[in-house]
C-alpha atoms as a PDB file:
ATOM      1  CA  MET A   1    -128.815 -67.740 156.443  1.00  0.00           C
ATOM      2  CA  PRO A   2    -132.579 -67.237 155.912  1.00  0.00           C
ATOM      3  CA  TRP A   3    -131.822 -63.867 154.303  1.00  0.00           C
ATOM      4  CA  LEU A   4    -129.583 -65.593 151.775  1.00  0.00           C
ATOM      5  CA  ALA A   5    -132.599 -67.610 150.599  1.00  0.00           C
ATOM      6  CA  VAL A   6    -134.626 -64.378 150.306  1.00  0.00           C
ATOM      7  CA  LEU A   7    -131.863 -62.779 148.256  1.00  0.00           C
ATOM      8  CA  ALA A   8    -131.458 -65.858 146.037  1.00  0.00           C
ATOM      9  CA  TRP A   9    -135.201 -66.010 145.371  1.00  0.00           C
ATOM     10  CA  GLY A  10    -135.201 -62.280 144.640  1.00  0.00           C
ATOM     11  CA  VAL A  11    -132.580 -62.924 141.962  1.00  0.00           C
ATOM     12  CA  VAL A  12    -134.786 -65.682 140.523  1.00  0.00           C
ATOM     13  CA  ILE A  13    -137.722 -63.256 140.410  1.00  0.00           C
ATOM     14  CA  PHE A  14    -135.649 -60.600 138.658  1.00  0.00           C
ATOM     15  CA  SER A  15    -134.364 -63.173 136.157  1.00  0.00           C
ATOM     16  CA  MET A  16    -137.969 -63.998 135.293  1.00  0.00           C
ATOM     17  CA  SER A  17    -138.502 -60.335 134.418  1.00  0.00           C
ATOM     18  CA  THR A  18    -136.072 -60.511 131.531  1.00  0.00           C
ATOM     19  CA  GLU A  19    -136.884 -60.780 127.849  1.00  0.00           C
ATOM     20  CA  GLN A  20    -136.413 -64.577 127.989  1.00  0.00           C
ATOM     21  CA  PHE A  21    -139.547 -64.862 130.132  1.00  0.00           C
ATOM     22  CA  GLY A  22    -141.644 -62.470 128.058  1.00  0.00           C
ATOM     23  CA  GLY A  23    -144.991 -63.575 126.690  1.00  0.00           C
ATOM     24  CA  GLU A  24    -143.649 -64.440 123.247  1.00  0.00           C
ATOM     25  CA  HIS A  25    -140.970 -66.714 124.666  1.00  0.00           C
ATOM     26  CA  THR A  26    -143.172 -68.466 127.213  1.00  0.00           C
ATOM     27  CA  GLY A  27    -145.942 -68.754 124.639  1.00  0.00           C
ATOM     28  CA  ALA A  28    -143.595 -70.495 122.217  1.00  0.00           C
ATOM     29  CA  ILE A  29    -143.145 -73.209 124.844  1.00  0.00           C
ATOM     30  CA  LEU A  30    -146.466 -73.273 126.688  1.00  0.00           C
ATOM     31  CA  ILE A  31    -148.942 -72.905 123.810  1.00  0.00           C
ATOM     32  CA  PRO A  32    -147.774 -76.128 122.082  1.00  0.00           C
ATOM     33  CA  VAL A  33    -147.851 -77.965 125.429  1.00  0.00           C
ATOM     34  CA  LEU A  34    -151.334 -76.638 126.152  1.00  0.00           C
ATOM     35  CA  HIS A  35    -152.425 -77.574 122.634  1.00  0.00           C
ATOM     36  CA  ALA A  36    -151.160 -81.140 123.207  1.00  0.00           C
ATOM     37  CA  LEU A  37    -153.058 -81.314 126.507  1.00  0.00           C
ATOM     38  CA  PHE A  38    -156.213 -79.693 125.102  1.00  0.00           C
ATOM     39  CA  PRO A  39    -156.267 -80.504 121.366  1.00  0.00           C
ATOM     40  CA  SER A  40    -159.769 -79.146 120.846  1.00  0.00           C
ATOM     41  CA  ALA A  41    -158.973 -75.767 122.437  1.00  0.00           C
ATOM     42  CA  THR A  42    -159.246 -72.757 120.158  1.00  0.00           C
ATOM     43  CA  PRO A  43    -156.326 -70.340 119.730  1.00  0.00           C
ATOM     44  CA  VAL A  44    -158.187 -67.851 121.935  1.00  0.00           C
ATOM     45  CA  GLN A  45    -158.646 -70.462 124.656  1.00  0.00           C
ATOM     46  CA  LEU A  46    -154.970 -71.420 124.445  1.00  0.00           C
ATOM     47  CA  ALA A  47    -153.951 -67.762 124.691  1.00  0.00           C
ATOM     48  CA  THR A  48    -156.252 -67.341 127.698  1.00  0.00           C
ATOM     49  CA  MET A  49    -154.704 -70.358 129.433  1.00  0.00           C
ATOM     50  CA  HIS A  50    -151.222 -69.046 128.668  1.00  0.00           C
ATOM     51  CA  HIS A  51    -152.161 -65.672 130.137  1.00  0.00           C
ATOM     52  CA  ALA A  52    -153.624 -67.322 133.250  1.00  0.00           C
ATOM     53  CA  ILE A  53    -150.463 -69.384 133.764  1.00  0.00           C
ATOM     54  CA  ARG A  54    -148.329 -66.251 133.484  1.00  0.00           C
ATOM     55  CA  LYS A  55    -150.465 -64.458 136.077  1.00  0.00           C
ATOM     56  CA  LEU A  56    -150.424 -67.502 138.353  1.00  0.00           C
ATOM     57  CA  ALA A  57    -146.620 -67.443 138.104  1.00  0.00           C
ATOM     58  CA  HIS A  58    -146.627 -63.889 139.521  1.00  0.00           C
ATOM     59  CA  PHE A  59    -148.717 -65.025 142.462  1.00  0.00           C
ATOM     60  CA  VAL A  60    -146.634 -68.148 143.155  1.00  0.00           C
ATOM     61  CA  GLU A  61    -143.269 -66.340 142.826  1.00  0.00           C
ATOM     62  CA  TYR A  62    -144.312 -63.916 145.538  1.00  0.00           C
ATOM     63  CA  LEU A  63    -146.067 -66.537 147.644  1.00  0.00           C
ATOM     64  CA  ILE A  64    -142.664 -68.240 147.849  1.00  0.00           C
ATOM     65  CA  LEU A  65    -140.956 -64.908 148.535  1.00  0.00           C
ATOM     66  CA  GLY A  66    -143.508 -64.281 151.282  1.00  0.00           C
ATOM     67  CA  LEU A  67    -142.769 -67.650 152.890  1.00  0.00           C
ATOM     68  CA  LEU A  68    -139.031 -67.002 152.741  1.00  0.00           C
ATOM     69  CA  LEU A  69    -139.527 -63.526 154.197  1.00  0.00           C
ATOM     70  CA  HIS A  70    -141.629 -64.971 156.996  1.00  0.00           C
ATOM     71  CA  ARG A  71    -138.857 -67.400 157.848  1.00  0.00           C
ATOM     72  CA  ALA A  72    -136.203 -64.675 157.765  1.00  0.00           C
ATOM     73  CA  LEU A  73    -138.194 -62.126 159.756  1.00  0.00           C
ATOM     74  CA  THR A  74    -139.337 -64.563 162.428  1.00  0.00           C
ATOM     75  CA  ALA A  75    -135.991 -66.304 162.902  1.00  0.00           C
ATOM     76  CA  ARG A  76    -135.133 -64.209 165.971  1.00  0.00           C
ATOM     77  CA  ARG A  77    -138.400 -62.726 167.232  1.00  0.00           C
ATOM     78  CA  GLY A  78    -141.059 -65.235 166.264  1.00  0.00           C
ATOM     79  CA  PRO A  79    -144.198 -64.557 164.243  1.00  0.00           C
ATOM     80  CA  SER A  80    -146.280 -61.451 164.815  1.00  0.00           C
ATOM     81  CA  VAL A  81    -148.603 -59.169 162.946  1.00  0.00           C
ATOM     82  CA  GLY A  82    -145.693 -56.727 162.674  1.00  0.00           C
ATOM     83  CA  THR A  83    -143.440 -59.261 160.977  1.00  0.00           C
ATOM     84  CA  ALA A  84    -146.254 -60.218 158.601  1.00  0.00           C
ATOM     85  CA  LEU A  85    -146.788 -56.568 157.666  1.00  0.00           C
ATOM     86  CA  ALA A  86    -143.035 -56.088 157.244  1.00  0.00           C
ATOM     87  CA  ALA A  87    -142.889 -59.080 154.900  1.00  0.00           C
ATOM     88  CA  ILE A  88    -145.766 -57.697 152.827  1.00  0.00           C
ATOM     89  CA  ALA A  89    -144.110 -54.269 152.695  1.00  0.00           C
ATOM     90  CA  PHE A  90    -140.796 -55.802 151.641  1.00  0.00           C
ATOM     91  CA  ALA A  91    -142.571 -57.798 148.917  1.00  0.00           C
ATOM     92  CA  ALA A  92    -144.352 -54.641 147.734  1.00  0.00           C
ATOM     93  CA  VAL A  93    -141.038 -52.819 147.371  1.00  0.00           C
ATOM     94  CA  TRP A  94    -139.522 -55.813 145.570  1.00  0.00           C
ATOM     95  CA  ALA A  95    -142.543 -56.072 143.247  1.00  0.00           C
ATOM     96  CA  SER A  96    -142.305 -52.366 142.439  1.00  0.00           C
ATOM     97  CA  LEU A  97    -138.610 -52.661 141.639  1.00  0.00           C
ATOM     98  CA  ASP A  98    -139.251 -55.803 139.617  1.00  0.00           C
ATOM     99  CA  GLU A  99    -142.024 -54.228 137.547  1.00  0.00           C
ATOM    100  CA  SER A 100    -139.991 -51.049 137.083  1.00  0.00           C
ATOM    101  CA  SER A 101    -137.046 -53.052 135.779  1.00  0.00           C
ATOM    102  CA  GLN A 102    -139.276 -54.365 132.999  1.00  0.00           C
ATOM    103  CA  MET A 103    -139.239 -50.905 131.413  1.00  0.00           C
ATOM    104  CA  PHE A 104    -135.688 -51.721 130.352  1.00  0.00           C
ATOM    105  CA  ALA A 105    -136.313 -55.274 129.117  1.00  0.00           C
ATOM    106  CA  ALA A 106    -137.250 -55.740 125.475  1.00  0.00           C
ATOM    107  CA  GLY A 107    -140.666 -57.301 125.064  1.00  0.00           C
ATOM    108  CA  ARG A 108    -141.672 -56.602 128.687  1.00  0.00           C
ATOM    109  CA  THR A 109    -143.967 -53.936 130.069  1.00  0.00           C
ATOM    110  CA  PRO A 110    -144.456 -53.006 133.712  1.00  0.00           C
ATOM    111  CA  ALA A 111    -147.972 -53.311 135.082  1.00  0.00           C
ATOM    112  CA  VAL A 112    -149.411 -52.099 138.374  1.00  0.00           C
ATOM    113  CA  ALA A 113    -151.870 -55.009 138.268  1.00  0.00           C
ATOM    114  CA  ASP A 114    -148.953 -57.456 138.182  1.00  0.00           C
ATOM    115  CA  ALA A 115    -147.362 -55.766 141.195  1.00  0.00           C
ATOM    116  CA  ALA A 116    -150.702 -56.008 143.036  1.00  0.00           C
ATOM    117  CA  LEU A 117    -150.891 -59.705 142.151  1.00  0.00           C
ATOM    118  CA  ASP A 118    -147.333 -60.135 143.431  1.00  0.00           C
ATOM    119  CA  VAL A 119    -148.148 -58.468 146.744  1.00  0.00           C
ATOM    120  CA  SER A 120    -151.288 -60.575 147.096  1.00  0.00           C
ATOM    121  CA  GLY A 121    -149.130 -63.709 146.835  1.00  0.00           C
ATOM    122  CA  ALA A 122    -146.887 -62.460 149.642  1.00  0.00           C
ATOM    123  CA  ALA A 123    -149.932 -61.494 151.712  1.00  0.00           C
ATOM    124  CA  VAL A 124    -151.481 -64.944 151.300  1.00  0.00           C
ATOM    125  CA  ALA A 125    -148.175 -66.455 152.439  1.00  0.00           C
ATOM    126  CA  GLN A 126    -148.351 -64.351 155.610  1.00  0.00           C
ATOM    127  CA  LEU A 127    -151.956 -65.340 156.191  1.00  0.00           C
ATOM    128  CA  LEU A 128    -151.114 -69.021 155.774  1.00  0.00           C
ATOM    129  CA  MET A 129    -148.214 -68.750 158.202  1.00  0.00           C
ATOM    130  CA  MET A 130    -150.342 -66.891 160.752  1.00  0.00           C
ATOM    131  CA  LEU A 131    -153.066 -69.536 160.495  1.00  0.00           C
ATOM    132  CA  ARG A 132    -150.428 -72.228 160.901  1.00  0.00           C
ATOM    133  CA  ALA A 133    -148.921 -70.647 164.019  1.00  0.00           C
ATOM    134  CA  PRO A 134    -150.508 -70.840 167.447  1.00  0.00           C
ATOM    135  CA  VAL A 135    -152.695 -67.832 168.081  1.00  0.00           C
ATOM    136  CA  LEU A 136    -149.617 -65.625 168.206  1.00  0.00           C
ATOM    137  CA  SER A 137    -149.628 -63.177 171.088  1.00  0.00           C
ATOM    138  CA  LEU A 138    -153.175 -64.015 172.172  1.00  0.00           C
ATOM    139  CA  ARG A 139    -152.046 -67.331 173.623  1.00  0.00           C
ATOM    140  CA  PRO A 140    -151.223 -67.221 177.367  1.00  0.00           C
ATOM    141  CA  ARG A 141    -147.580 -67.712 178.179  1.00  0.00           C
ATOM    142  CA  VAL A 142    -146.709 -71.023 179.802  1.00  0.00           C
ATOM    143  CA  ASP A 143    -144.184 -69.573 182.260  1.00  0.00           C
ATOM    144  CA  GLY A 144    -146.932 -67.611 184.040  1.00  0.00           C
ATOM    145  CA  CYS A 145    -145.895 -64.146 182.836  1.00  0.00           C
END
């Protein structure tokens, strides 16, 4: 079942790569909200905040994907550096496919920088999970082996 969550989140990520989540559409919603929150902000400042939110969304989407991948990959074998690297590699492939799909979506353009931001989110997820886990394979086994 953990792979079903990975697949479902992957579909969510791909849906966010459609025209409906392009900058013009998100700006039409977010810029007025940002203007209400920061009434003295200039149009350039509002555009900068909108851009930052969009980039943060890339990071968070893949941070979540990274956490789901960690759960799926460690379900049977437990956490390891290998599973962390596999999760990052999987996220990199997904990010590449996701960015490539934007070539076919009106109002969207693929960007290598966005894919790098995506992969960094997945990598941070792996780092957080490794820091959360006991010292992985460096910890002595309790059963004496």
